[in-house]
Amino acid sequence: MLLTACTITAPELPTDRDGKQNLTVGVVQKSIHRGMSGSEVAETLGSPNMVTSGPNGSEVWVYDRTFSQVEASAAGGWTFASQDAGVGIRRSTQSTLTVVVKFDAEKKVSDVAYHQSKF
């Protein structure tokens, strides 16, 4: 009987489709601050999911991301797995991150808020 084992390790977090960093709380906290221009925010976070206009030329940009992670048990240990049909036990988690960036009439960041949940 031949027994083979395969360990799948978690790769570095990929970038978004447009090559920007993944949207994380850390990136938001480190990189987005009051007084930034919209182009600086877009360069850091990519394109927002939704843009709304407010009074006096203000804008609100909303970024909304959902992340899924699957861990699979094989040969007595937990590994990160993609769609491996030979895995015995799986547990999965999902998390969401919503970031709201408000711009004033001068198109500069006036406020940043975020909410993260994991289930």
Protein backbone atom coordinates (compact mmCIF):
# COMPACT_ATOMS: atom_id res chain seq x y z
CA MET A 1 0.00 0.00 0.00
CA LEU A 2 1.39 3.36 -0.97
CA LEU A 3 0.53 6.35 1.19
CA THR A 4 1.31 9.83 0.01
CA ALA A 5 0.79 13.03 1.91
CA CYS A 6 0.37 16.52 0.64
CA THR A 7 0.76 19.62 2.71
CA ILE A 8 -0.75 22.80 1.39
CA THR A 9 0.63 25.93 2.98
CA ALA A 10 -1.03 29.30 3.02
CA PRO A 11 0.57 31.54 0.41
CA GLU A 12 1.25 35.20 0.93
CA LEU A 13 -1.92 37.19 0.73
CA PRO A 14 -2.55 37.98 -2.92
CA THR A 15 -3.17 41.41 -4.25
CA ASP A 16 -6.48 42.54 -5.66
CA ARG A 17 -7.24 42.12 -9.36
CA ASP A 18 -5.78 45.53 -10.08
CA GLY A 19 -2.54 44.75 -8.26
CA LYS A 20 -3.31 46.75 -5.12
CA GLN A 21 -2.70 45.44 -1.61
CA ASN A 22 -5.44 43.39 -0.05
CA LEU A 23 -7.85 45.47 1.93
CA THR A 24 -7.13 44.82 5.62
CA VAL A 25 -7.68 46.76 8.82
CA GLY A 26 -3.91 47.11 9.12
CA VAL A 27 -3.58 48.66 5.67
CA VAL A 28 -6.40 51.09 6.43
CA GLN A 29 -4.98 52.07 9.83
CA LYS A 30 -1.44 52.45 8.50
CA SER A 31 -2.11 54.10 5.17
CA ILE A 32 -5.35 56.11 5.15
CA HIS A 33 -5.45 59.39 7.04
CA ARG A 34 -7.18 62.76 7.02
CA GLY A 35 -6.08 65.14 4.31
CA MET A 36 -5.26 62.46 1.71
CA SER A 37 -6.52 62.95 -1.80
CA GLY A 38 -8.87 60.55 -3.54
CA SER A 39 -6.11 59.46 -5.91
CA GLU A 40 -3.88 58.56 -2.95
CA VAL A 41 -6.68 56.50 -1.40
CA ALA A 42 -7.40 54.76 -4.72
CA GLU A 43 -3.70 54.05 -5.20
CA THR A 44 -3.59 52.36 -1.80
CA LEU A 45 -6.95 50.58 -1.62
CA GLY A 46 -7.98 50.27 -5.26
CA SER A 47 -11.38 51.17 -6.61
CA PRO A 48 -14.23 51.47 -4.12
CA ASN A 49 -17.34 49.30 -4.40
CA MET A 50 -19.64 52.28 -4.07
CA VAL A 51 -19.32 56.07 -4.33
CA THR A 52 -22.01 58.49 -3.22
CA SER A 53 -22.12 62.25 -3.52
CA GLY A 54 -23.15 64.46 -0.64
CA PRO A 55 -23.90 68.12 -0.13
CA ASN A 56 -21.37 70.77 -1.15
CA GLY A 57 -19.35 68.38 -3.32
CA SER A 58 -18.49 65.89 -0.56
CA GLU A 59 -18.21 62.17 -1.36
CA VAL A 60 -18.31 58.88 0.48
CA TRP A 61 -16.39 55.85 -0.78
CA VAL A 62 -17.32 52.41 0.50
CA TYR A 63 -15.06 49.38 0.25
CA ASP A 64 -16.67 46.05 1.07
CA ARG A 65 -14.74 42.77 1.01
CA THR A 66 -15.55 39.21 2.05
CA PHE A 67 -12.79 36.73 2.72
CA SER A 68 -13.10 32.95 3.02
CA GLN A 69 -10.59 30.54 4.50
CA VAL A 70 -10.83 26.76 4.54
CA GLU A 71 -8.70 24.62 6.80
CA ALA A 72 -8.61 20.89 6.23
CA SER A 73 -7.50 18.02 8.41
CA ALA A 74 -5.42 15.34 6.75
CA ALA A 75 -2.99 12.86 8.33
CA GLY A 76 -3.54 14.23 11.83
CA GLY A 77 -2.81 17.89 11.26
CA TRP A 78 -4.53 21.03 10.08
CA THR A 79 -3.46 22.65 6.84
CA PHE A 80 -4.86 25.38 4.67
CA ALA A 81 -6.56 23.81 1.69
CA SER A 82 -8.27 24.75 -1.47
CA GLN A 83 -10.78 22.40 -3.05
CA ASP A 84 -9.16 19.06 -2.18
CA ALA A 85 -11.66 16.23 -2.47
CA GLY A 86 -9.50 13.85 -0.41
CA VAL A 87 -9.64 15.86 2.80
CA GLY A 88 -11.40 14.31 5.80
CA ILE A 89 -12.49 17.20 8.03
CA ARG A 90 -12.90 20.81 6.99
CA ARG A 91 -13.58 23.95 8.91
CA SER A 92 -14.18 27.23 7.24
CA THR A 93 -14.37 30.81 8.35
CA GLN A 94 -15.55 33.91 6.61
CA SER A 95 -14.84 37.48 7.49
CA THR A 96 -16.07 40.75 6.12
CA LEU A 97 -14.49 44.17 6.13
CA THR A 98 -16.33 47.35 5.30
CA VAL A 99 -14.37 50.60 5.06
CA VAL A 100 -16.05 53.98 4.69
CA VAL A 101 -13.91 56.91 3.57
CA LYS A 102 -15.51 60.36 3.67
CA PHE A 103 -14.19 63.24 1.57
CA ASP A 104 -14.86 66.92 2.15
CA ALA A 105 -15.68 69.50 -0.54
CA GLU A 106 -11.96 69.89 -1.31
CA LYS A 107 -11.82 66.15 -2.12
CA LYS A 108 -9.60 65.40 0.88
CA VAL A 109 -10.23 62.60 3.39
CA SER A 110 -12.21 63.98 6.31
CA ASP A 111 -13.02 60.72 8.12
CA VAL A 112 -12.33 56.98 7.93
CA ALA A 113 -14.37 54.25 9.59
CA TYR A 114 -14.32 50.48 9.30
CA HIS A 115 -16.11 47.41 10.60
CA GLN A 116 -14.77 43.88 10.57
CA SER A 117 -16.67 40.71 11.43
CA LYS A 118 -15.69 37.05 11.46
CA PHE A 119 -17.99 34.05 11.43
